[in-house]
Amino acid sequence: MAHGILATTELIADIKSSVHSGKDEGDLNFPYPITLTTFHLVYATIATRLMRRFTPLLDGLDNVDITWQRWYQNVSILLSFIAR
């Protein structure tokens, strides 16, 4: 039960941060988008560490066998979709 609550809270915070960031930058002329992004990344890092330590949701994280080439291929595909 607590696993789902923690994962759902992180997902909702990520979505709210993304929507809020876009709204502030576009409509309200928000002067500090870097600050908002930094707060979001700090929260996401803390939530991920808590999930790794206290839930079984990220148990397989230590067993991932990935090379730098494989990582680069996966990340470059995602970045090609994000960068317009």
N, C-alpha and C. Protein backbone atom coordinates (compact mmCIF):
# COMPACT_ATOMS: atom_id res chain seq x y z
N MET A 1 0.82 -1.20 0.00
CA MET A 1 0.00 0.00 0.00
C MET A 1 0.87 1.26 0.00
N ALA A 2 1.86 1.30 0.88
CA ALA A 2 2.73 2.49 0.96
C ALA A 2 3.54 2.66 -0.32
N HIS A 3 3.86 1.55 -1.00
CA HIS A 3 4.61 1.63 -2.25
C HIS A 3 3.84 2.42 -3.30
N GLY A 4 2.58 2.10 -3.42
CA GLY A 4 1.74 2.78 -4.39
C GLY A 4 1.55 4.24 -4.06
N ILE A 5 1.42 4.54 -2.78
CA ILE A 5 1.24 5.94 -2.37
C ILE A 5 2.48 6.75 -2.70
N LEU A 6 3.66 6.21 -2.40
CA LEU A 6 4.90 6.92 -2.69
C LEU A 6 5.11 7.11 -4.19
N ALA A 7 4.86 6.07 -4.97
CA ALA A 7 5.03 6.17 -6.42
C ALA A 7 4.01 7.13 -7.02
N THR A 8 2.77 7.08 -6.55
CA THR A 8 1.73 7.98 -7.05
C THR A 8 2.04 9.43 -6.68
N THR A 9 2.52 9.66 -5.46
CA THR A 9 2.88 11.01 -5.04
C THR A 9 3.99 11.57 -5.91
N GLU A 10 4.99 10.76 -6.20
CA GLU A 10 6.09 11.22 -7.05
C GLU A 10 5.58 11.53 -8.46
N LEU A 11 4.74 10.68 -8.99
CA LEU A 11 4.20 10.90 -10.33
C LEU A 11 3.36 12.18 -10.39
N ILE A 12 2.51 12.39 -9.41
CA ILE A 12 1.69 13.60 -9.38
C ILE A 12 2.55 14.84 -9.25
N ALA A 13 3.57 14.78 -8.40
CA ALA A 13 4.46 15.93 -8.24
C ALA A 13 5.21 16.22 -9.54
N ASP A 14 5.64 15.19 -10.25
CA ASP A 14 6.32 15.39 -11.53
C ASP A 14 5.40 16.05 -12.55
N ILE A 15 4.18 15.57 -12.63
CA ILE A 15 3.22 16.14 -13.59
C ILE A 15 2.89 17.58 -13.23
N LYS A 16 2.62 17.83 -11.95
CA LYS A 16 2.29 19.19 -11.52
C LYS A 16 3.46 20.14 -11.78
N SER A 17 4.66 19.68 -11.52
CA SER A 17 5.84 20.52 -11.75
C SER A 17 6.00 20.84 -13.23
N SER A 18 5.80 19.85 -14.07
CA SER A 18 5.94 20.07 -15.51
C SER A 18 4.88 21.03 -16.03
N VAL A 19 3.64 20.82 -15.64
CA VAL A 19 2.56 21.69 -16.09
C VAL A 19 2.74 23.09 -15.54
N HIS A 20 3.07 23.18 -14.26
CA HIS A 20 3.25 24.48 -13.61
C HIS A 20 4.41 25.24 -14.23
N SER A 21 5.49 24.54 -14.52
CA SER A 21 6.66 25.17 -15.12
C SER A 21 6.32 25.75 -16.49
N GLY A 22 5.62 24.99 -17.32
CA GLY A 22 5.24 25.48 -18.63
C GLY A 22 4.29 26.65 -18.55
N LYS A 23 3.35 26.59 -17.61
CA LYS A 23 2.39 27.69 -17.44
C LYS A 23 3.09 28.95 -16.97
N ASP A 24 4.00 28.80 -15.99
CA ASP A 24 4.70 29.98 -15.47
C ASP A 24 5.60 30.61 -16.51
N GLU A 25 6.28 29.80 -17.29
CA GLU A 25 7.17 30.36 -18.30
C GLU A 25 6.40 31.04 -19.41
N GLY A 26 5.22 30.50 -19.74
CA GLY A 26 4.46 31.04 -20.86
C GLY A 26 3.55 32.19 -20.48
N ASP A 27 2.70 32.00 -19.47
CA ASP A 27 1.66 32.96 -19.15
C ASP A 27 2.09 34.03 -18.14
N LEU A 28 2.81 33.62 -17.12
CA LEU A 28 3.08 34.53 -16.02
C LEU A 28 4.45 35.19 -16.08
N ASN A 29 5.22 34.89 -17.11
CA ASN A 29 6.56 35.45 -17.25
C ASN A 29 7.40 35.17 -15.99
N PHE A 30 7.41 33.92 -15.59
CA PHE A 30 8.13 33.48 -14.39
C PHE A 30 9.63 33.66 -14.60
N PRO A 31 10.33 34.45 -13.77
CA PRO A 31 11.73 34.75 -14.02
C PRO A 31 12.72 33.68 -13.54
N TYR A 32 12.26 32.64 -12.84
CA TYR A 32 13.19 31.68 -12.26
C TYR A 32 12.86 30.23 -12.63
N PRO A 33 12.86 29.87 -13.91
CA PRO A 33 12.54 28.48 -14.26
C PRO A 33 13.61 27.50 -13.80
N ILE A 34 14.85 27.95 -13.68
CA ILE A 34 15.93 27.07 -13.21
C ILE A 34 15.69 26.67 -11.76
N THR A 35 15.20 27.59 -10.95
CA THR A 35 14.91 27.29 -9.55
C THR A 35 13.82 26.23 -9.44
N LEU A 36 12.77 26.39 -10.22
CA LEU A 36 11.68 25.43 -10.19
C LEU A 36 12.15 24.05 -10.64
N THR A 37 12.96 24.00 -11.67
CA THR A 37 13.51 22.74 -12.15
C THR A 37 14.42 22.11 -11.10
N THR A 38 15.22 22.92 -10.43
CA THR A 38 16.11 22.41 -9.39
C THR A 38 15.32 21.80 -8.25
N PHE A 39 14.27 22.48 -7.79
CA PHE A 39 13.42 21.93 -6.73
C PHE A 39 12.80 20.60 -7.16
N HIS A 40 12.36 20.54 -8.41
CA HIS A 40 11.76 19.31 -8.92
C HIS A 40 12.79 18.17 -8.93
N LEU A 41 14.00 18.44 -9.40
CA LEU A 41 15.01 17.39 -9.45
C LEU A 41 15.44 16.93 -8.06
N VAL A 42 15.52 17.85 -7.11
CA VAL A 42 15.87 17.48 -5.73
C VAL A 42 14.78 16.59 -5.15
N TYR A 43 13.52 16.97 -5.34
CA TYR A 43 12.41 16.15 -4.84
C TYR A 43 12.43 14.77 -5.49
N ALA A 44 12.61 14.72 -6.80
CA ALA A 44 12.61 13.44 -7.51
C ALA A 44 13.76 12.55 -7.03
N THR A 45 14.91 13.14 -6.76
CA THR A 45 16.05 12.37 -6.27
C THR A 45 15.77 11.80 -4.89
N ILE A 46 15.23 12.62 -4.00
CA ILE A 46 14.92 12.15 -2.65
C ILE A 46 13.86 11.06 -2.69
N ALA A 47 12.81 11.27 -3.49
CA ALA A 47 11.74 10.27 -3.58
C ALA A 47 12.25 8.95 -4.15
N THR A 48 13.14 9.03 -5.15
CA THR A 48 13.70 7.82 -5.73
C THR A 48 14.56 7.08 -4.72
N ARG A 49 15.36 7.81 -3.96
CA ARG A 49 16.18 7.16 -2.91
C ARG A 49 15.31 6.50 -1.86
N LEU A 50 14.23 7.16 -1.47
CA LEU A 50 13.32 6.56 -0.49
C LEU A 50 12.65 5.31 -1.05
N MET A 51 12.24 5.38 -2.31
CA MET A 51 11.63 4.20 -2.93
C MET A 51 12.62 3.05 -3.02
N ARG A 52 13.86 3.36 -3.33
CA ARG A 52 14.87 2.30 -3.44
C ARG A 52 15.14 1.65 -2.08
N ARG A 53 15.14 2.46 -1.03
CA ARG A 53 15.48 1.92 0.28
C ARG A 53 14.32 1.22 0.97
N PHE A 54 13.11 1.77 0.85
CA PHE A 54 12.00 1.28 1.66
C PHE A 54 10.93 0.50 0.89
N THR A 55 11.06 0.37 -0.41
CA THR A 55 10.06 -0.39 -1.16
C THR A 55 10.76 -1.41 -2.07
N PRO A 56 10.03 -2.43 -2.50
CA PRO A 56 10.61 -3.40 -3.43
C PRO A 56 10.48 -2.97 -4.90
N LEU A 57 10.04 -1.75 -5.15
CA LEU A 57 9.80 -1.32 -6.52
C LEU A 57 11.07 -1.18 -7.35
N LEU A 58 12.20 -0.92 -6.71
CA LEU A 58 13.46 -0.73 -7.43
C LEU A 58 14.50 -1.75 -7.02
N ASP A 59 14.07 -2.97 -6.70
CA ASP A 59 14.99 -4.02 -6.24
C ASP A 59 16.00 -4.43 -7.29
N GLY A 60 15.63 -4.46 -8.54
CA GLY A 60 16.53 -4.92 -9.59
C GLY A 60 17.54 -3.88 -10.04
N LEU A 61 17.60 -2.76 -9.39
CA LEU A 61 18.47 -1.67 -9.82
C LEU A 61 19.96 -2.03 -9.73
N ASP A 62 20.32 -2.84 -8.78
CA ASP A 62 21.73 -3.21 -8.61
C ASP A 62 22.18 -4.26 -9.63
N ASN A 63 21.24 -4.91 -10.29
CA ASN A 63 21.58 -5.99 -11.22
C ASN A 63 21.54 -5.56 -12.68
N VAL A 64 21.51 -4.28 -12.94
CA VAL A 64 21.43 -3.79 -14.32
C VAL A 64 22.82 -3.86 -14.94
N ASP A 65 22.93 -4.57 -16.06
CA ASP A 65 24.20 -4.67 -16.76
C ASP A 65 24.09 -3.81 -18.02
N ILE A 66 24.67 -2.62 -17.98
CA ILE A 66 24.55 -1.70 -19.09
C ILE A 66 25.92 -1.08 -19.38
N THR A 67 26.21 -0.96 -20.65
CA THR A 67 27.48 -0.35 -21.06
C THR A 67 27.22 1.12 -21.41
N TRP A 68 28.30 1.89 -21.52
CA TRP A 68 28.16 3.30 -21.90
C TRP A 68 27.58 3.43 -23.30
N GLN A 69 27.93 2.50 -24.19
CA GLN A 69 27.39 2.56 -25.55
C GLN A 69 25.87 2.34 -25.53
N ARG A 70 25.42 1.36 -24.78
CA ARG A 70 23.98 1.09 -24.67
C ARG A 70 23.26 2.28 -24.03
N TRP A 71 23.86 2.86 -22.99
CA TRP A 71 23.26 4.01 -22.32
C TRP A 71 23.14 5.18 -23.30
N TYR A 72 24.20 5.43 -24.05
CA TYR A 72 24.20 6.53 -25.01
C TYR A 72 23.13 6.32 -26.08
N GLN A 73 22.98 5.11 -26.57
CA GLN A 73 21.96 4.83 -27.58
C GLN A 73 20.56 5.09 -27.04
N ASN A 74 20.31 4.67 -25.83
CA ASN A 74 18.99 4.88 -25.24
C ASN A 74 18.72 6.36 -24.97
N VAL A 75 19.70 7.06 -24.43
CA VAL A 75 19.51 8.47 -24.08
C VAL A 75 19.43 9.34 -25.32
N SER A 76 20.24 9.06 -26.32
CA SER A 76 20.22 9.89 -27.53
C SER A 76 18.87 9.81 -28.26
N ILE A 77 18.23 8.67 -28.20
CA ILE A 77 16.89 8.54 -28.80
C ILE A 77 15.91 9.42 -28.06
N LEU A 78 15.95 9.40 -26.74
CA LEU A 78 15.04 10.25 -25.97
C LEU A 78 15.33 11.72 -26.20
N LEU A 79 16.60 12.09 -26.23
CA LEU A 79 16.95 13.49 -26.45
C LEU A 79 16.54 13.97 -27.84
N SER A 80 16.55 13.09 -28.82
CA SER A 80 16.13 13.50 -30.16
C SER A 80 14.64 13.85 -30.17
N PHE A 81 13.85 13.22 -29.31
CA PHE A 81 12.43 13.56 -29.24
C PHE A 81 12.20 14.85 -28.46
N ILE A 82 13.02 15.08 -27.44
CA ILE A 82 12.84 16.27 -26.60
C ILE A 82 13.34 17.52 -27.29
N ALA A 83 14.52 17.44 -27.89
CA ALA A 83 15.12 18.62 -28.55
C ALA A 83 14.41 18.87 -29.86
N ARG A 84 13.83 20.00 -29.98
CA ARG A 84 13.11 20.33 -31.23
C ARG A 84 13.79 21.44 -31.94
